[in-house]
Amino acid sequence: MARESTLNGHVQRVSTGSTVLRRLFVGSFLLIVATVLVAVVAASVGPFNVPFTHTVSALMDLIGIGDSIAKPTEHAIIQTIRLPRIFLAFIVGAALGIAGGIMQGLFRNSMADPGIIGISSGGATGAVFAIATGLSTVSTFFLPLFAFIGSAVSMAVVFLIASVGGRFSMATLLLGGIAVSSFLGAVTTATIILTDDLNVQRQIIFWIAGGFDTARWESVQIAAPIIVVGALITIFMSRDLNLLLVSEDEAETLGVRVVLVRNILLISASLITGTAVAFSGIIAFVGLVVPHVVRLIVGADHRVLLPLSALGGGLFLLVADTAARVVLAPAELRVGVLTAMIGAPFFIYLLVRSKARLL
C-alpha cells in the first residue's frame, strides 16, 4: 500500500508498512557505518597525522574497550581537538539536512533549503555585530549567542510578516524571508565595509565562510541537545507531513491539525538551523543537496526521508570538513566554501532538470 504526494508538481509514491522499516533500517545502518569510518579518518588526518591503529585504539579506550597504544600527544590531539570538531560537524550537518527535508516538504519544492526564510542571514548579522563591537572577545560563547539571537529575531520577523492580517500564508513567509535576507545581507556587507580594522574584517569573513576550527566540547554540549530535541520533534511529526503533502483537506479529515503541525515544523526547523548557524557560520547547500539525494534514493516518505537526511547531512558535512582540513594542508579551506563549490553546480542541475520537465 502507498499514498501519493506531490513535490514540484510531480506525483510521488509514499510507501507504508514494512517497506518503511526496511528502508529506514538499511539506510541508517549504511550511513552509520560510513560515518564511523569517516570519523576514524577525520581523527587521524590533519597537520599532525596519527596512525590509524593509534586512532582506533585511542577511540576504543575512550569508550572503555581495551588500552590505547597512542602516544600522550596523539591522545590529547584526538580527544581535545579533533573529536569535538567531528561531533560538531556531524551535528550541524544533521541539523541542516533534516531542516532542508522539512522546508522542501512544507514548500513542496525540492529547491528549498533551511536558509530560505532568512535564518542564516539573521545569524550572520548577529555574529557580525558581536565581532565588530568586540563582544566576541569577552567570551567564546558570545559569538554563537549573538548569532543565535540574530537567527531567532529574523525568524520572528518573517513569521510576523507572514501572519499580517490574522491569517498565516506560506507564500508570504517565503517572500518575506527573501526580503529580510536581502536586507540583513546589506547590513552585514555595510558593517564589513565600514569596519576599519582589517583583523576584524578578516574574522567576519572567516565566520561567514563557515567552519569548525573553533569547535570545543562545550560547543557540542550546548548545540547537541537543542538540535536532537528539534530533530526528534520533526521525525515524530513526519507522518503528518506526509499527509500534508497529499492534501491539506485530507489531512484535516484524518485528524491532523494542519496549522499547528505546520507551525511546529517551521519553528523546529528554524530552531535547529539557527543553532547550527550559531556554532558553524553559514554553510550553504547541505540542506539543499542531501534531502534531494536521499529522496531520489528512498522516495518521498518523510518517515524515512527525515532520519536519513539527518544522518546523510552529518556524514556529508563530516566528509567536507575532513577534506577542507587536508586539501590545502597545512592551510585550511573553509567548509562553507567547499560545500558551496559542490552545492552550486547541483543547484544548477536541479534548475535545468526542473525546466526540462516543464517543457
Protein backbone atom coordinates (compact mmCIF):
# COMPACT_ATOMS: atom_id res chain seq x y z
CA MET A 1 0.00 0.00 0.00
CA ALA A 2 1.17 3.53 -0.68
CA ARG A 3 -0.05 7.10 -0.68
CA GLU A 4 0.63 9.67 -3.36
CA SER A 5 2.24 13.02 -2.56
CA THR A 6 3.17 15.97 -4.71
CA LEU A 7 6.52 17.74 -4.86
CA ASN A 8 7.37 20.27 -7.57
CA GLY A 9 4.12 19.31 -9.28
CA HIS A 10 5.11 15.66 -9.68
CA VAL A 11 3.30 12.75 -8.06
CA GLN A 12 5.49 10.60 -5.82
CA ARG A 13 4.70 7.38 -4.04
CA VAL A 14 4.87 7.36 -0.24
CA SER A 15 5.42 3.81 1.00
CA THR A 16 3.74 2.35 4.05
CA GLY A 17 4.18 -0.71 6.23
CA SER A 18 7.25 -2.93 6.31
CA THR A 19 8.88 -1.12 3.38
CA VAL A 20 9.37 1.94 5.58
CA LEU A 21 11.11 -0.04 8.33
CA ARG A 22 13.30 -1.89 5.85
CA ARG A 23 14.44 1.26 4.06
CA LEU A 24 14.99 3.07 7.33
CA PHE A 25 16.99 0.21 8.85
CA VAL A 26 19.17 -0.42 5.79
CA GLY A 27 19.76 3.27 5.11
CA SER A 28 20.56 4.05 8.76
CA PHE A 29 22.92 1.09 9.06
CA LEU A 30 24.88 2.04 5.93
CA LEU A 31 25.11 5.72 6.87
CA ILE A 32 26.16 4.98 10.46
CA VAL A 33 28.89 2.57 9.32
CA ALA A 34 30.13 5.12 6.77
CA THR A 35 30.09 7.86 9.43
CA VAL A 36 32.17 5.77 11.85
CA LEU A 37 34.75 5.04 9.14
CA VAL A 38 34.96 8.69 8.12
CA ALA A 39 35.22 9.73 11.77
CA VAL A 40 38.24 7.46 12.23
CA VAL A 41 39.87 9.02 9.17
CA ALA A 42 38.98 12.53 10.36
CA ALA A 43 40.52 11.84 13.78
CA SER A 44 43.71 10.61 12.13
CA VAL A 45 44.49 13.18 9.44
CA GLY A 46 45.49 16.80 9.78
CA PRO A 47 48.60 18.94 10.26
CA PHE A 48 49.71 16.26 12.73
CA ASN A 49 48.92 12.81 11.31
CA VAL A 50 48.11 9.99 13.72
CA PRO A 51 48.49 6.34 12.61
CA PHE A 52 45.11 4.69 12.10
CA THR A 53 45.91 1.91 14.56
CA HIS A 54 46.70 4.50 17.22
CA THR A 55 43.50 6.38 16.44
CA VAL A 56 41.34 3.27 16.67
CA SER A 57 42.94 2.19 19.95
CA ALA A 58 42.52 5.69 21.40
CA LEU A 59 38.84 5.80 20.40
CA MET A 60 38.22 2.32 21.79
CA ASP A 61 39.93 3.32 25.02
CA LEU A 62 37.66 6.35 25.34
CA ILE A 63 34.59 4.10 25.30
CA GLY A 64 36.17 1.67 27.75
CA ILE A 65 37.32 -1.08 25.39
CA GLY A 66 40.99 -2.09 25.54
CA ASP A 67 44.02 0.07 26.24
CA SER A 68 45.23 2.88 24.00
CA ILE A 69 48.58 2.47 22.23
CA ALA A 70 48.51 6.11 21.14
CA LYS A 71 51.17 8.44 22.48
CA PRO A 72 50.04 11.04 25.04
CA THR A 73 50.34 13.82 22.43
CA GLU A 74 48.28 11.84 19.91
CA HIS A 75 45.67 11.02 22.52
CA ALA A 76 45.40 14.69 23.55
CA ILE A 77 45.02 15.85 19.94
CA ILE A 78 42.30 13.29 19.22
CA GLN A 79 40.34 13.88 22.42
CA THR A 80 40.53 17.64 22.83
CA ILE A 81 40.80 18.95 19.27
CA ARG A 82 39.57 16.51 16.65
CA LEU A 83 36.71 14.70 18.37
CA PRO A 84 34.82 17.91 19.30
CA ARG A 85 35.21 19.04 15.70
CA ILE A 86 33.97 15.70 14.38
CA PHE A 87 30.93 15.70 16.65
CA LEU A 88 30.05 19.34 15.94
CA ALA A 89 30.41 18.88 12.17
CA PHE A 90 28.15 15.84 12.27
CA ILE A 91 25.55 17.54 14.48
CA VAL A 92 25.44 20.68 12.34
CA GLY A 93 25.23 18.61 9.15
CA ALA A 94 22.38 16.58 10.64
CA ALA A 95 20.55 19.78 11.60
CA LEU A 96 20.89 21.29 8.13
CA GLY A 97 19.96 18.01 6.44
CA ILE A 98 16.75 17.42 8.37
CA ALA A 99 15.80 21.12 8.25
CA GLY A 100 16.21 21.01 4.48
CA GLY A 101 13.94 17.99 4.26
CA ILE A 102 11.28 19.81 6.28
CA MET A 103 11.48 23.00 4.21
CA GLN A 104 11.32 21.10 0.93
CA GLY A 105 8.30 19.20 2.18
CA LEU A 106 6.42 22.21 3.54
CA PHE A 107 7.11 24.33 0.47
CA ARG A 108 6.63 21.33 -1.85
CA ASN A 109 9.77 22.32 -3.65
CA SER A 110 12.99 20.31 -3.85
CA MET A 111 14.98 23.53 -4.24
CA ALA A 112 14.06 24.91 -0.81
CA ASP A 113 16.71 24.95 1.91
CA PRO A 114 16.96 25.91 5.63
CA GLY A 115 18.07 29.46 4.87
CA ILE A 116 15.08 30.19 2.68
CA ILE A 117 13.25 32.23 5.36
CA GLY A 118 16.19 34.37 6.48
CA ILE A 119 17.51 32.32 9.39
CA SER A 120 21.08 32.12 8.11
CA SER A 121 21.18 35.83 7.28
CA GLY A 122 19.94 36.68 10.75
CA GLY A 123 22.62 34.52 12.32
CA ALA A 124 25.28 36.19 10.17
CA THR A 125 24.12 39.65 11.19
CA GLY A 126 24.17 38.74 14.88
CA ALA A 127 27.65 37.23 14.62
CA VAL A 128 28.97 40.21 12.66
CA PHE A 129 27.63 42.55 15.32
CA ALA A 130 29.42 40.57 18.05
CA ILE A 131 32.72 40.61 16.14
CA ALA A 132 32.53 44.25 15.02
CA THR A 133 31.75 45.52 18.53
CA GLY A 134 34.42 43.37 20.17
CA LEU A 135 31.87 41.43 22.24
CA SER A 136 33.14 38.17 20.74
CA THR A 137 36.42 38.67 22.65
CA VAL A 138 34.65 38.90 26.02
CA SER A 139 33.64 35.23 25.97
CA THR A 140 33.97 32.40 23.46
CA PHE A 141 30.21 31.89 23.69
CA PHE A 142 29.22 35.46 22.89
CA LEU A 143 29.64 34.97 19.15
CA PRO A 144 27.34 31.90 18.89
CA LEU A 145 24.95 33.56 21.36
CA PHE A 146 24.55 36.67 19.21
CA ALA A 147 24.34 34.53 16.07
CA PHE A 148 21.51 32.54 17.62
CA ILE A 149 19.75 35.73 18.75
CA GLY A 150 20.06 37.11 15.21
CA SER A 151 18.55 33.93 13.77
CA ALA A 152 15.70 33.98 16.30
CA VAL A 153 14.88 37.66 15.68
CA SER A 154 14.99 37.14 11.90
CA MET A 155 12.68 34.13 12.20
CA ALA A 156 10.26 36.07 14.40
CA VAL A 157 10.12 38.99 11.97
CA VAL A 158 9.45 36.72 9.00
CA PHE A 159 6.72 34.89 10.90
CA LEU A 160 5.09 38.20 11.83
CA ILE A 161 5.16 39.32 8.20
CA ALA A 162 3.56 36.03 7.14
CA SER A 163 0.84 36.44 9.79
CA VAL A 164 -0.19 40.02 8.95
CA GLY A 165 -3.96 40.23 8.66
CA GLY A 166 -4.53 37.39 11.08
CA ARG A 167 -4.03 34.62 8.54
CA PHE A 168 -0.74 32.78 8.04
CA SER A 169 0.49 32.49 4.45
CA MET A 170 3.28 30.18 3.26
CA ALA A 171 3.77 32.29 0.12
CA THR A 172 4.15 35.44 2.21
CA LEU A 173 6.55 33.56 4.51
CA LEU A 174 8.76 32.75 1.54
CA LEU A 175 8.68 36.24 0.05
CA GLY A 176 9.17 37.82 3.47
CA GLY A 177 12.17 35.57 4.05
CA ILE A 178 13.72 36.67 0.77
CA ALA A 179 13.18 40.34 1.63
CA VAL A 180 14.55 40.00 5.18
CA SER A 181 17.56 38.03 3.91
CA SER A 182 18.35 40.76 1.37
CA PHE A 183 18.08 43.47 4.00
CA LEU A 184 20.25 41.65 6.53
CA GLY A 185 22.77 40.80 3.83
CA ALA A 186 23.05 44.52 3.07
CA VAL A 187 23.55 45.27 6.79
CA THR A 188 26.29 42.65 7.03
CA THR A 189 28.06 43.96 3.92
CA ALA A 190 27.85 47.55 5.15
CA THR A 191 29.35 46.52 8.50
CA ILE A 192 32.30 44.86 6.78
CA ILE A 193 32.91 47.89 4.54
CA LEU A 194 32.66 50.40 7.37
CA THR A 195 34.99 48.46 9.68
CA ASP A 196 38.49 49.99 9.66
CA ASP A 197 40.21 47.15 11.50
CA LEU A 198 41.47 44.65 8.91
CA ASN A 199 41.73 41.93 11.55
CA VAL A 200 38.06 42.36 12.42
CA GLN A 201 37.15 42.25 8.74
CA ARG A 202 39.10 39.02 8.40
CA GLN A 203 37.32 37.48 11.39
CA ILE A 204 33.93 38.42 9.93
CA ILE A 205 34.72 36.98 6.52
CA PHE A 206 36.10 33.78 8.05
CA TRP A 207 32.98 33.31 10.18
CA ILE A 208 30.62 33.92 7.27
CA ALA A 209 32.52 31.35 5.19
CA GLY A 210 31.66 28.69 7.80
CA GLY A 211 33.93 26.28 9.62
CA PHE A 212 34.62 24.24 12.74
CA ASP A 213 38.14 25.34 13.66
CA THR A 214 36.89 26.77 16.98
CA ALA A 215 34.92 23.65 17.96
CA ARG A 216 35.14 22.66 21.63
CA TRP A 217 33.34 20.12 23.78
CA GLU A 218 31.37 22.98 25.34
CA SER A 219 30.00 23.85 21.89
CA VAL A 220 28.87 20.26 21.36
CA GLN A 221 27.23 20.14 24.80
CA ILE A 222 25.19 23.27 24.04
CA ALA A 223 24.28 22.58 20.41
CA ALA A 224 23.56 18.84 20.60
CA PRO A 225 20.54 18.88 22.98
CA ILE A 226 18.77 21.65 21.03
CA ILE A 227 19.34 20.01 17.66
CA VAL A 228 18.48 16.49 18.88
CA VAL A 229 15.23 17.61 20.52
CA GLY A 230 14.22 19.63 17.45
CA ALA A 231 15.06 16.74 15.14
CA LEU A 232 13.08 14.24 17.24
CA ILE A 233 10.03 16.52 17.19
CA THR A 234 10.14 16.74 13.40
CA ILE A 235 10.65 12.98 12.98
CA PHE A 236 7.73 12.34 15.32
CA MET A 237 5.54 14.51 13.08
CA SER A 238 6.79 13.04 9.79
CA ARG A 239 3.56 11.09 9.20
CA ASP A 240 1.56 14.33 9.46
CA LEU A 241 3.92 15.96 6.96
CA ASN A 242 3.23 13.09 4.55
CA LEU A 243 -0.49 13.75 4.86
CA LEU A 244 0.02 17.48 4.29
CA LEU A 245 1.78 16.67 1.03
CA VAL A 246 -1.11 14.51 -0.12
CA SER A 247 -3.77 17.13 0.65
CA GLU A 248 -4.39 19.57 3.48
CA ASP A 249 -8.12 18.82 3.29
CA GLU A 250 -7.49 15.08 3.55
CA ALA A 251 -5.05 15.67 6.38
CA GLU A 252 -7.71 17.59 8.32
CA THR A 253 -10.23 14.83 7.63
CA LEU A 254 -7.79 12.31 9.13
CA GLY A 255 -7.43 14.39 12.29
CA VAL A 256 -4.28 16.38 11.53
CA ARG A 257 -4.29 19.91 12.97
CA VAL A 258 -2.77 21.44 9.85
CA VAL A 259 -1.94 24.91 11.15
CA LEU A 260 -0.43 23.59 14.39
CA VAL A 261 1.63 20.91 12.64
CA ARG A 262 2.91 23.36 10.03
CA ASN A 263 3.92 25.92 12.65
CA ILE A 264 5.65 23.34 14.86
CA LEU A 265 7.62 22.01 11.89
CA LEU A 266 8.61 25.50 10.78
CA ILE A 267 9.67 26.54 14.28
CA SER A 268 11.60 23.30 14.87
CA ALA A 269 13.41 23.62 11.53
CA SER A 270 14.18 27.26 12.26
CA LEU A 271 15.43 26.47 15.77
CA ILE A 272 17.84 23.74 14.73
CA THR A 273 19.04 25.78 11.75
CA GLY A 274 19.66 28.81 13.95
CA THR A 275 21.60 26.66 16.41
CA ALA A 276 23.68 25.15 13.61
CA VAL A 277 24.46 28.54 12.11
CA ALA A 278 25.40 29.91 15.53
CA PHE A 279 28.18 27.35 16.00
CA SER A 280 29.40 26.89 12.43
CA GLY A 281 28.79 30.06 10.46
CA ILE A 282 26.97 29.92 7.15
CA ILE A 283 27.37 26.57 5.45
CA ALA A 284 25.36 26.56 2.26
CA PHE A 285 23.71 23.84 0.20
CA VAL A 286 23.84 20.97 2.74
CA GLY A 287 20.11 21.34 3.36
CA LEU A 288 19.52 21.53 -0.40
CA VAL A 289 21.69 18.70 -1.68
CA VAL A 290 21.31 16.00 0.98
CA PRO A 291 17.49 15.72 1.26
CA HIS A 292 17.16 15.78 -2.51
CA VAL A 293 19.68 12.96 -2.97
CA VAL A 294 18.04 10.94 -0.17
CA ARG A 295 14.64 11.47 -1.79
CA LEU A 296 15.94 10.17 -5.12
CA ILE A 297 17.18 7.01 -3.39
CA VAL A 298 14.48 6.14 -0.84
CA GLY A 299 11.45 8.11 -2.00
CA ALA A 300 9.35 10.91 -0.56
CA ASP A 301 8.11 9.23 2.64
CA HIS A 302 9.24 11.61 5.39
CA ARG A 303 9.27 8.82 7.97
CA VAL A 304 12.36 7.58 6.11
CA LEU A 305 13.46 10.78 4.42
CA LEU A 306 13.91 12.92 7.55
CA PRO A 307 16.01 10.48 9.65
CA LEU A 308 18.20 9.59 6.66
CA SER A 309 18.56 13.27 5.72
CA ALA A 310 19.87 13.90 9.23
CA LEU A 311 22.37 11.03 9.05
CA GLY A 312 23.29 11.88 5.47
CA GLY A 313 23.75 15.56 6.28
CA GLY A 314 26.01 14.69 9.20
CA LEU A 315 28.10 12.35 7.03
CA PHE A 316 28.27 14.85 4.15
CA LEU A 317 29.47 17.70 6.34
CA LEU A 318 31.94 15.47 8.17
CA VAL A 319 33.46 14.43 4.84
CA ALA A 320 33.52 18.07 3.69
CA ASP A 321 35.20 19.24 6.90
CA THR A 322 37.82 16.50 6.69
CA ALA A 323 38.54 17.40 3.07
CA ALA A 324 38.71 21.10 3.97
CA ARG A 325 41.41 20.32 6.55
CA VAL A 326 43.64 18.29 4.25
CA VAL A 327 43.13 19.57 0.69
CA LEU A 328 45.33 22.66 1.21
CA ALA A 329 47.32 21.40 4.24
CA PRO A 330 48.88 22.92 6.26
CA ALA A 331 46.45 25.73 5.35
CA GLU A 332 42.72 25.10 5.80
CA LEU A 333 39.91 25.68 3.31
CA ARG A 334 36.69 26.99 4.84
CA VAL A 335 33.98 24.33 4.91
CA GLY A 336 31.30 26.71 3.65
CA VAL A 337 33.41 27.43 0.58
CA LEU A 338 33.80 23.72 -0.17
CA THR A 339 30.10 22.89 0.28
CA ALA A 340 29.18 25.84 -1.96
CA MET A 341 31.52 24.52 -4.66
CA ILE A 342 29.68 21.21 -4.51
CA GLY A 343 26.18 22.56 -3.95
CA ALA A 344 26.09 25.35 -6.55
CA PRO A 345 26.56 23.02 -9.56
CA PHE A 346 23.97 20.67 -8.07
CA PHE A 347 21.54 23.56 -7.66
CA ILE A 348 22.05 24.48 -11.33
CA TYR A 349 21.39 20.84 -12.22
CA LEU A 350 18.09 20.96 -10.30
CA LEU A 351 17.06 24.14 -12.13
CA VAL A 352 17.85 22.64 -15.54
CA ARG A 353 16.11 19.38 -14.64
CA SER A 354 13.00 21.18 -13.40
CA LYS A 355 12.87 23.32 -16.53
CA ALA A 356 13.24 20.24 -18.75
CA ARG A 357 10.27 18.59 -17.03
CA LEU A 358 8.09 21.62 -17.70
CA LEU A 359 8.84 21.60 -21.43
